Every structure is written in C-alpha cells, then in structure tokens.
Protein backbone atom coordinates (compact mmCIF):
# COMPACT_ATOMS: atom_id res chain seq x y z
CA MET A 1 -64.45 -113.13 95.84
CA PRO A 2 -61.22 -111.76 94.37
CA THR A 3 -60.03 -113.26 91.09
CA PHE A 4 -56.59 -114.30 89.97
CA SER A 5 -54.54 -111.85 87.99
CA LYS A 6 -54.79 -112.26 84.25
CA ARG A 7 -51.02 -112.66 84.08
CA ILE A 8 -50.78 -115.66 86.36
CA ALA A 9 -53.98 -117.25 85.08
CA GLY A 10 -52.72 -116.91 81.54
CA LEU A 11 -49.21 -118.36 81.94
CA THR A 12 -50.01 -121.41 79.82
CA GLY A 13 -51.98 -119.41 77.26
CA GLY A 14 -55.18 -121.20 78.17
CA GLY A 15 -53.85 -124.57 77.01
CA ASP A 16 -51.94 -127.58 78.29
CA ASP A 17 -48.63 -126.82 79.99
CA GLY A 18 -47.01 -129.70 78.07
CA TRP A 19 -46.31 -131.86 81.11
CA GLY A 20 -49.47 -133.98 81.18
CA LEU A 21 -47.88 -137.28 80.18
CA PHE A 22 -45.02 -136.72 82.60
CA TYR A 23 -47.44 -136.13 85.47
CA ARG A 24 -49.37 -139.29 84.56
CA ALA A 25 -46.19 -141.36 84.41
CA ARG A 26 -45.07 -140.06 87.80
CA ALA A 27 -48.45 -140.89 89.32
CA MET A 28 -48.24 -144.43 87.92
CA LYS A 29 -44.73 -144.83 89.32
CA THR A 30 -45.82 -143.52 92.72
CA ALA A 31 -48.61 -146.11 92.66
CA GLY A 32 -45.99 -148.83 92.31
CA LYS A 33 -46.04 -149.48 88.57
CA PRO A 34 -42.61 -150.19 87.00
CA VAL A 35 -42.49 -147.19 84.69
CA LEU A 36 -39.20 -146.47 82.92
CA GLU A 37 -38.91 -142.70 82.68
CA LEU A 38 -37.23 -141.08 79.69
CA THR A 39 -38.93 -137.76 80.31
CA ILE A 40 -36.99 -135.00 82.07
CA GLY A 41 -33.34 -133.96 81.93
CA GLU A 42 -32.41 -135.43 85.30
CA HIS A 43 -29.05 -137.21 85.55
CA ASP A 44 -29.09 -140.85 86.63
CA THR A 45 -26.05 -140.08 88.80
CA ARG A 46 -26.31 -137.74 91.76
CA THR A 47 -24.24 -134.66 92.56
CA ASP A 48 -20.61 -135.58 93.17
CA PRO A 49 -20.07 -136.28 96.91
CA ALA A 50 -17.12 -133.88 96.99
CA ILE A 51 -19.42 -131.04 95.94
CA LEU A 52 -21.91 -132.02 98.63
CA ASP A 53 -19.09 -132.12 101.18
CA ALA A 54 -18.12 -128.58 100.18
CA MET A 55 -21.77 -127.51 100.56
CA ALA A 56 -22.03 -129.09 104.00
CA ALA A 57 -18.72 -127.62 105.16
CA SER A 58 -19.85 -124.16 104.10
CA ALA A 59 -23.19 -124.53 105.88
CA HIS A 60 -21.61 -125.87 109.06
CA GLY A 61 -19.02 -123.13 108.79
CA GLY A 62 -21.75 -120.54 109.10
CA HIS A 63 -22.51 -119.43 105.54
CA THR A 64 -26.24 -119.79 106.16
CA GLY A 65 -27.26 -116.15 106.46
CA TYR A 66 -28.19 -113.77 103.70
CA ALA A 67 -25.69 -113.88 100.87
CA ALA A 68 -24.95 -110.91 98.64
CA VAL A 69 -27.85 -110.59 96.20
CA PRO A 70 -25.65 -110.41 93.06
CA GLY A 71 -23.78 -113.52 94.20
CA THR A 72 -20.59 -113.95 96.17
CA ASP A 73 -17.58 -112.17 94.73
CA ALA A 74 -15.70 -115.46 94.41
CA LEU A 75 -18.45 -117.25 92.46
CA ARG A 76 -19.12 -114.29 90.17
CA LYS A 77 -15.40 -114.19 89.41
CA ALA A 78 -15.30 -117.94 88.71
CA VAL A 79 -18.33 -117.79 86.39
CA ALA A 80 -16.81 -114.80 84.58
CA ALA A 81 -13.60 -116.78 84.10
CA ARG A 82 -15.50 -119.79 82.72
CA LEU A 83 -17.42 -117.63 80.26
CA SER A 84 -14.29 -115.75 79.23
CA ALA A 85 -12.42 -118.98 78.54
CA GLY A 86 -15.26 -120.33 76.41
CA SER A 87 -15.94 -117.17 74.42
CA GLY A 88 -12.72 -115.20 74.08
CA LEU A 89 -14.51 -112.23 75.66
CA GLU A 90 -13.48 -110.47 78.86
CA TYR A 91 -16.22 -111.05 81.39
CA THR A 92 -15.82 -109.53 84.86
CA PRO A 93 -17.87 -110.11 88.02
CA GLU A 94 -19.88 -106.99 87.13
CA ASN A 95 -21.16 -108.88 84.08
CA ILE A 96 -22.58 -111.71 86.21
CA LEU A 97 -25.69 -112.17 88.36
CA ILE A 98 -25.99 -115.46 90.24
CA THR A 99 -29.57 -116.78 90.16
CA PRO A 100 -31.56 -119.67 91.68
CA GLY A 101 -31.25 -121.76 88.54
CA ALA A 102 -31.47 -120.97 84.84
CA GLN A 103 -35.26 -120.60 85.01
CA ALA A 104 -34.90 -117.56 87.26
CA ALA A 105 -32.22 -116.26 84.90
CA LEU A 106 -34.60 -116.55 81.92
CA PHE A 107 -37.26 -114.68 83.87
CA ALA A 108 -34.83 -111.91 84.82
CA ALA A 109 -33.52 -111.62 81.27
CA HIS A 110 -36.99 -111.18 79.81
CA HIS A 111 -37.83 -108.61 82.46
CA ALA A 112 -34.73 -106.70 81.40
CA ALA A 113 -35.54 -106.93 77.69
CA CYS A 114 -39.32 -106.54 77.51
CA ASP A 115 -42.04 -104.20 78.66
CA VAL A 116 -45.64 -105.28 79.14
CA GLY A 117 -47.19 -105.95 75.75
CA ASP A 118 -43.89 -106.31 73.89
CA THR A 119 -43.38 -109.17 71.47
CA ALA A 120 -40.72 -111.71 72.45
CA LEU A 121 -39.56 -114.18 69.83
CA MET A 122 -38.69 -117.81 70.55
CA ILE A 123 -37.75 -120.70 68.29
CA ASP A 124 -40.11 -123.67 67.97
CA PRO A 125 -39.41 -126.41 69.15
CA TYR A 126 -38.78 -124.76 72.51
CA TYR A 127 -38.34 -125.82 76.10
CA THR A 128 -41.79 -126.08 77.63
CA THR A 129 -41.42 -123.18 80.09
CA TYR A 130 -40.42 -120.59 77.48
CA PRO A 131 -43.90 -119.32 76.54
CA GLY A 132 -44.99 -119.08 80.18
CA THR A 133 -41.80 -117.27 81.16
CA ILE A 134 -42.47 -114.68 78.47
CA ARG A 135 -46.13 -114.31 79.47
CA GLY A 136 -45.03 -114.07 83.10
CA VAL A 137 -43.26 -110.77 82.44
CA GLY A 138 -46.27 -109.46 80.54
CA ALA A 139 -44.77 -109.92 77.09
CA VAL A 140 -46.32 -111.77 74.16
CA PRO A 141 -44.56 -114.89 72.83
CA ARG A 142 -44.18 -115.28 69.08
CA SER A 143 -42.73 -118.56 67.84
CA VAL A 144 -40.64 -119.12 64.72
CA ALA A 145 -40.54 -122.69 63.41
CA ALA A 146 -37.26 -124.54 62.99
CA ARG A 147 -38.05 -127.38 60.61
CA PRO A 148 -37.06 -131.05 60.94
CA GLU A 149 -35.89 -131.02 57.31
CA ASP A 150 -33.39 -128.28 58.27
CA GLY A 151 -32.06 -130.28 61.20
CA PHE A 152 -34.06 -127.92 63.43
CA GLN A 153 -31.75 -125.03 62.51
CA PRO A 154 -33.85 -121.83 62.30
CA ARG A 155 -33.78 -120.01 58.98
CA GLU A 156 -32.61 -116.43 58.93
CA ALA A 157 -35.39 -115.44 56.53
CA ASP A 158 -38.06 -116.81 58.88
CA LEU A 159 -36.59 -114.98 61.85
CA MET A 160 -36.26 -111.77 59.86
CA ALA A 161 -39.91 -111.99 58.77
CA ALA A 162 -41.13 -112.55 62.33
CA ALA A 163 -38.95 -109.93 64.02
CA ASP A 164 -40.83 -106.81 62.97
CA GLY A 165 -41.92 -105.03 66.14
CA ALA A 166 -40.24 -107.54 68.49
CA ARG A 167 -37.98 -106.61 71.40
CA SER A 168 -36.18 -109.88 72.09
CA LEU A 169 -35.23 -113.25 70.63
CA LEU A 170 -34.74 -116.32 72.83
CA VAL A 171 -32.40 -118.98 71.44
CA ASN A 172 -31.13 -122.23 72.91
CA THR A 173 -28.05 -124.08 71.68
CA PRO A 174 -27.23 -126.89 72.29
CA ASN A 175 -30.95 -127.25 72.01
CA ASN A 176 -33.55 -128.81 74.24
CA PRO A 177 -35.54 -130.69 72.94
CA THR A 178 -33.96 -131.36 69.53
CA GLY A 179 -30.26 -131.80 70.33
CA ALA A 180 -29.38 -129.35 67.54
CA VAL A 181 -26.17 -127.36 67.92
CA TYR A 182 -26.53 -124.18 65.90
CA SER A 183 -24.05 -123.86 63.07
CA ASP A 184 -21.92 -120.79 62.44
CA ALA A 185 -24.25 -119.90 59.58
CA THR A 186 -27.29 -120.10 61.84
CA LEU A 187 -25.68 -118.03 64.57
CA GLU A 188 -24.50 -115.41 62.09
CA GLY A 189 -28.02 -115.22 60.69
CA ILE A 190 -29.40 -114.70 64.21
CA ALA A 191 -26.89 -111.91 64.72
CA ARG A 192 -27.95 -110.19 61.51
CA VAL A 193 -31.61 -110.39 62.51
CA ALA A 194 -30.83 -108.96 65.95
CA GLU A 195 -28.90 -106.06 64.47
CA ALA A 196 -31.48 -105.35 61.78
CA HIS A 197 -34.36 -105.21 64.28
CA ASP A 198 -32.40 -103.94 67.31
CA LEU A 199 -33.27 -106.99 69.40
CA TRP A 200 -32.01 -108.22 72.70
CA VAL A 201 -30.90 -111.83 72.23
CA ILE A 202 -31.41 -114.07 75.26
CA SER A 203 -29.13 -117.05 74.75
CA ASP A 204 -29.88 -120.14 76.85
CA GLU A 205 -26.59 -122.04 76.93
CA VAL A 206 -27.15 -124.44 79.83
CA TYR A 207 -26.04 -127.43 77.70
CA ASP A 208 -22.74 -125.86 76.62
CA SER A 209 -20.76 -128.75 78.15
CA GLN A 210 -22.71 -131.39 76.19
CA VAL A 211 -21.60 -131.20 72.56
CA TRP A 212 -21.14 -134.39 70.55
CA ASP A 213 -20.55 -133.04 67.04
CA GLY A 214 -19.01 -129.70 66.15
CA ALA A 215 -18.47 -127.07 68.82
CA HIS A 216 -20.51 -124.71 70.95
CA ARG A 217 -20.06 -121.07 69.93
CA PRO A 218 -21.39 -118.59 72.49
CA LEU A 219 -23.68 -116.12 70.78
CA ALA A 220 -22.17 -113.16 72.64
CA SER A 221 -18.80 -113.95 71.01
CA LEU A 222 -20.02 -113.04 67.52
CA PRO A 223 -18.93 -109.61 66.27
CA ASP A 224 -20.87 -106.75 67.92
CA MET A 225 -23.16 -109.16 69.78
CA PHE A 226 -21.88 -108.82 73.35
CA ALA A 227 -23.68 -105.49 73.81
CA ARG A 228 -27.09 -106.99 72.92
CA THR A 229 -26.77 -110.55 74.29
CA ILE A 230 -27.94 -111.79 77.69
CA THR A 231 -26.49 -115.26 78.30
CA VAL A 232 -28.13 -117.78 80.63
CA GLY A 233 -26.12 -120.59 82.23
CA SER A 234 -26.34 -123.10 85.03
CA LEU A 235 -24.50 -125.84 86.90
CA SER A 236 -27.57 -128.08 86.73
CA LYS A 237 -26.58 -129.97 83.58
CA SER A 238 -22.81 -129.50 83.55
CA HIS A 239 -22.26 -130.66 87.14
CA ALA A 240 -25.40 -132.75 87.90
CA MET A 241 -26.59 -130.10 90.36
CA THR A 242 -30.22 -129.78 89.23
CA GLY A 243 -31.63 -129.62 92.76
CA SER A 244 -29.11 -127.06 93.97
CA ARG A 245 -30.80 -124.37 91.83
CA LEU A 246 -27.64 -122.51 90.89
CA GLY A 247 -27.42 -120.57 87.66
CA TRP A 248 -26.40 -117.21 86.29
CA VAL A 249 -27.25 -114.53 83.81
CA ALA A 250 -24.42 -112.69 82.05
CA GLY A 251 -24.34 -109.58 79.91
CA PRO A 252 -23.34 -105.95 79.73
CA ALA A 253 -22.76 -104.48 83.18
CA ASP A 254 -25.59 -101.95 82.89
CA VAL A 255 -28.26 -104.57 82.17
CA VAL A 256 -26.87 -106.87 84.89
CA GLU A 257 -27.18 -103.97 87.33
CA GLN A 258 -30.87 -103.70 86.48
CA MET A 259 -31.38 -107.45 86.96
CA ILE A 260 -29.65 -107.25 90.35
CA ASN A 261 -32.32 -104.69 91.30
CA LEU A 262 -34.98 -107.18 90.17
CA ALA A 263 -33.37 -109.94 92.26
CA THR A 264 -33.43 -107.68 95.31
CA HIS A 265 -37.19 -107.46 94.92
CA THR A 266 -37.84 -111.13 94.08
CA THR A 267 -35.43 -113.94 94.93
CA TYR A 268 -33.11 -111.94 97.22
CA GLY A 269 -30.16 -114.04 96.18
CA VAL A 270 -28.99 -117.63 96.46
CA PRO A 271 -27.92 -119.36 99.72
CA GLY A 272 -24.24 -118.82 100.41
CA PHE A 273 -23.50 -122.47 101.12
CA VAL A 274 -24.97 -123.43 97.73
CA GLN A 275 -22.82 -120.81 96.04
CA ASP A 276 -19.74 -122.12 97.82
CA ALA A 277 -20.55 -125.60 96.54
CA GLY A 278 -20.85 -124.16 93.04
CA LEU A 279 -17.49 -122.46 93.41
CA PHE A 280 -15.96 -125.77 94.41
CA ALA A 281 -17.65 -127.52 91.49
CA LEU A 282 -16.18 -125.04 89.01
CA SER A 283 -12.74 -125.53 90.59
CA MET A 284 -12.91 -129.21 89.55
CA GLY A 285 -12.28 -128.06 85.99
CA PRO A 286 -13.33 -129.28 82.53
CA ASP A 287 -12.57 -132.93 83.32
CA MET A 288 -15.46 -132.96 85.77
CA GLU A 289 -17.84 -131.60 83.15
CA GLU A 290 -16.65 -134.21 80.65
CA ARG A 291 -17.30 -137.02 83.15
CA VAL A 292 -20.84 -135.79 83.76
CA ALA A 293 -21.50 -135.53 80.01
CA ALA A 294 -19.96 -138.87 78.97
CA PRO A 295 -22.99 -141.13 79.64
CA PHE A 296 -25.19 -139.00 77.40
CA ARG A 297 -22.76 -139.19 74.50
CA ARG A 298 -22.59 -142.97 74.96
CA ARG A 299 -26.38 -143.40 75.05
CA ARG A 300 -26.85 -141.08 72.10
CA ASP A 301 -24.60 -143.39 70.08
CA LEU A 302 -26.52 -146.41 71.39
CA VAL A 303 -29.81 -144.94 70.13
CA LEU A 304 -28.40 -144.21 66.69
CA ALA A 305 -27.03 -147.75 66.40
CA ARG A 306 -30.40 -149.27 67.38
CA LEU A 307 -32.28 -147.07 64.90
CA ALA A 308 -30.14 -148.29 62.03
CA GLY A 309 -31.83 -151.69 62.04
CA GLN A 310 -35.49 -150.67 61.72
CA GLN A 311 -37.88 -148.54 59.65
CA ALA A 312 -40.55 -147.29 62.05
CA ILE A 313 -38.60 -144.46 63.65
CA SER A 314 -36.00 -142.03 62.37
CA ALA A 315 -33.95 -139.30 63.99
CA ILE A 316 -31.72 -136.40 63.13
CA PRO A 317 -28.55 -137.32 65.05
CA PRO A 318 -28.39 -134.90 67.98
CA ALA A 319 -25.17 -132.88 68.06
CA GLY A 320 -25.54 -132.01 71.74
CA ALA A 321 -27.62 -132.06 74.94
CA MET A 322 -29.04 -135.06 76.78
CA TYR A 323 -31.96 -135.90 74.49
CA VAL A 324 -32.81 -137.52 71.18
CA MET A 325 -35.82 -136.34 69.19
CA LEU A 326 -37.40 -139.31 67.43
CA ASP A 327 -39.63 -138.95 64.38
CA VAL A 328 -42.61 -141.30 64.78
CA ARG A 329 -44.70 -140.02 61.84
CA ALA A 330 -44.16 -143.24 59.88
CA THR A 331 -46.32 -145.02 62.48
CA GLY A 332 -49.26 -142.79 61.57
CA MET A 333 -49.45 -141.49 65.13
CA SER A 334 -48.95 -138.07 66.63
CA GLY A 335 -46.23 -137.71 69.20
CA LYS A 336 -48.85 -137.34 71.92
CA ASP A 337 -50.78 -140.45 70.89
CA PHE A 338 -47.57 -142.44 70.52
CA GLY A 339 -46.39 -141.38 73.97
CA GLU A 340 -49.70 -142.13 75.68
CA ALA A 341 -49.99 -145.58 74.11
CA LEU A 342 -46.32 -146.38 74.76
CA LEU A 343 -46.82 -145.64 78.44
CA ASP A 344 -49.94 -147.81 78.63
CA GLU A 345 -48.56 -150.78 76.69
CA GLU A 346 -44.85 -150.78 77.53
CA MET A 347 -44.57 -148.74 80.75
CA VAL A 348 -42.06 -146.42 79.05
CA ALA A 349 -42.56 -142.68 79.49
CA VAL A 350 -41.31 -140.12 76.97
CA MET A 351 -42.23 -136.52 76.20
CA PRO A 352 -44.49 -135.88 73.19
CA GLY A 353 -42.97 -133.54 70.65
CA GLU A 354 -46.15 -131.47 70.76
CA SER A 355 -45.18 -130.48 74.32
CA PHE A 356 -42.41 -128.39 72.76
CA GLY A 357 -44.40 -126.65 70.05
CA ALA A 358 -46.01 -127.25 66.69
CA ALA A 359 -42.73 -127.77 64.84
CA ALA A 360 -42.08 -130.95 66.86
CA ALA A 361 -45.46 -132.54 66.08
CA GLY A 362 -45.12 -136.20 65.15
CA HIS A 363 -41.99 -136.57 67.27
CA ILE A 364 -41.14 -137.71 70.78
CA ARG A 365 -38.28 -136.56 72.97
CA VAL A 366 -36.27 -139.29 74.68
CA ALA A 367 -34.11 -138.26 77.62
CA LEU A 368 -30.84 -140.20 77.83
CA THR A 369 -31.15 -140.41 81.58
CA LEU A 370 -31.34 -144.03 82.72
CA PRO A 371 -28.37 -146.34 83.41
CA ASP A 372 -27.21 -148.03 80.22
CA GLU A 373 -28.78 -151.45 80.81
CA ILE A 374 -32.16 -150.04 81.82
CA PHE A 375 -32.01 -147.45 79.07
CA THR A 376 -31.40 -150.18 76.51
CA GLU A 377 -34.41 -152.12 77.79
CA ALA A 378 -36.62 -149.01 77.57
CA LEU A 379 -35.37 -148.26 74.06
CA ASP A 380 -36.00 -151.81 72.90
CA ARG A 381 -39.55 -151.67 74.26
CA LEU A 382 -40.08 -148.37 72.45
CA LEU A 383 -38.81 -149.73 69.14
CA ALA A 384 -40.86 -152.92 69.47
CA PHE A 385 -43.97 -150.82 70.12
CA ALA A 386 -43.23 -148.68 67.06
CA ALA A 387 -42.72 -151.77 64.89
CA ARG A 388 -46.13 -153.10 65.88
CA GLN A 389 -47.76 -149.91 64.63
CA MET A 390 -46.35 -150.61 61.16
CA THR A 391 -48.07 -153.97 60.72
C-alpha cells in the first residue's frame, strides 16, 4: 500500500496539534452539555447583515464564475488604500494578492520566502498553525521565546542569536495568543535582525484593528523594511467575517507576482461574490471596525477588574487582540492540567498555554468571545476554580 508523504504526515512534528481540549469541549457541547467556550477567536456577533446583503446581491447578480486569481481590481485597490492609510506607504493593487483567508496568505508567504530545508523563525508563544504552516512548505520551524517577564515582547538579542542560517522570520502583532502589541523598540530590533541576516519578515497583522493600549505600527513602514516584508491581513477579525475566508498578502510587486503564480496552481482565487462583500465591508470605513472591536475592549477591562480582587491568577494586561493570557502557575498546575480540570469541573473551555508553545507553559488563553453576561459567568467560574486550587 502507498504511504503518506513525509511532509503531510509530519505537519504537527509528530506531536499534538494543540487543539485537543478544544475538540473535547466541542464534543461535549454537541452531546448536549452546557459548555461555555472561551477557546477560539470567533465573534459572538455574526457578520453584519448589510455585508451579507452585498454578498447575496453579487451572487444573484451573476458574480459566481471564476474570479481573477489575484483578486478583483476593485478589492485589490481597496486593500491597497487601507494599507497605505495605516502605514504611510504607497501600496498599489500590484502589491496585493487576495487569498482565501489569512491562513492561505501565511502559506503563500512562506512558499515565497523559503526553499525546502530552509530554517524559518517564529516567536513563541505562536498561533497554533504556525509550525505546521512552515513544515507544510518543507521548511524547518525554529522558535524564539518571548518571555512573560518581558510582557511577551521578543528580545533582539535572542532573535539575533537564532537567526544564523535562517531565511524568514514570522511575527504577529497585535499578538495571538498573548495580546502583546510590539513596541517601537521591539519592532526596530526585529528590523535590525532582518537586515543583519537578510531575512524575509512575514508580518501577521490580522488584529490590526484591535488595539487597546498604544498603537499598531505596520512592520513594513519601518525604514528600509518594505522591500523585505510580506504582510498578511484579513477581514475575519476586523469585520467579523471569519467564515467568508477573505484575506490578503501584501508586499513588493515582484514577490506578489510569484505568489499569484502559486495561487494559480493551488487555490485558483476567491469567489467573486465573497470579494464583492469584502469590498462593501471596507467601504463601511473605520467606524465599522471600531464597532466590531468594542466588545473585546470592554471584556478585556472586565477581566482585569475581576483579577484585581484575587491572588490565584495574574495577567499581563493585553494591549490588543481578542484574548487574555492568564498566568495560572500560582495554582501549581500546568496550563493543560488547569484547562482539562476546569472543563470537567466547571464546564468552561479555554486553551492551554502549552498549545501555543513552551514559552506559554503555565498559562491559559481566554477568548473574549461570549456575550458580556455569559462571559462574566464563565470568568467567575474560572476564578472560583482557581481559588479552590490555592486551599
């Protein structure tokens, strides 16, 4: 019998894919148990009806055939305008490839940056798919720890030490899972490392509309970084369009041209009616993005207020994104053990920090993704469970 390819069989590196507790919680919920899920970054509100109306009108209007593989001219222009406004750079449609979500954009970016066997750097904690995405293009992931005591900001010296022989560096700010927004000093250090080691920097900026403290600074906007930065974006988080699978990858025109060739041989583009809905969503302007983000800011503040009255759990206040990373080490439990027991005893599901790498061990990630009243109940159950571990 034929065997699987080593590449696909090795996507998870021979270990857990990090989603085990999530799968168990979903199975319990499907079986009728009242599990409160604080696991994935899925908005508790659905896509705005006006966006869905635009999608339906486009589909009924006939935009259901093959769309241009690079994306429609109108959407590429709109994405270029959004990136230009946020960075001070001059993006054009030739700098943009529309992709079926940010995950496809990450895959394309690593294909553009890495050959088989190349080393690709990523910062730990990392989003769970990062190592598998790198392995999926035949590259070898190498993680660089960002420490809790540094607010999960990666140190330039650590990156510099790890970068020898690497071809790319994947960064994510605002960060999933930690909520860190990289400071100017951190970004400038990343830029120096990239220049010193001639790296491509793949910058995952899907949470750029969710910043609570400070400001998001696009990595490509730093001096001399546009030519070596591939930026990944999406409407999933900014416009509550996770299921529409609509993202982009942006960079120098010559590398985008190569990724368009890849798309021709893989995804073959994104449905035109979905792109038209995305174009309409972007036309709703920054106010729409602020409305989508507002509940996560509110719940982030709610978590920090609740934490102030207890000793079992601590947190570095997240500066962005739709998550809070809670430090549970004072309970004497690992993040995985805490999460498993919390699910069994309180029917509250979170993601263990260990799902996101070794640097997040002893933590749990809480998604701010339930309506306020239900979220408060889940948080209170979590804190009561933690308090019991201290007695």
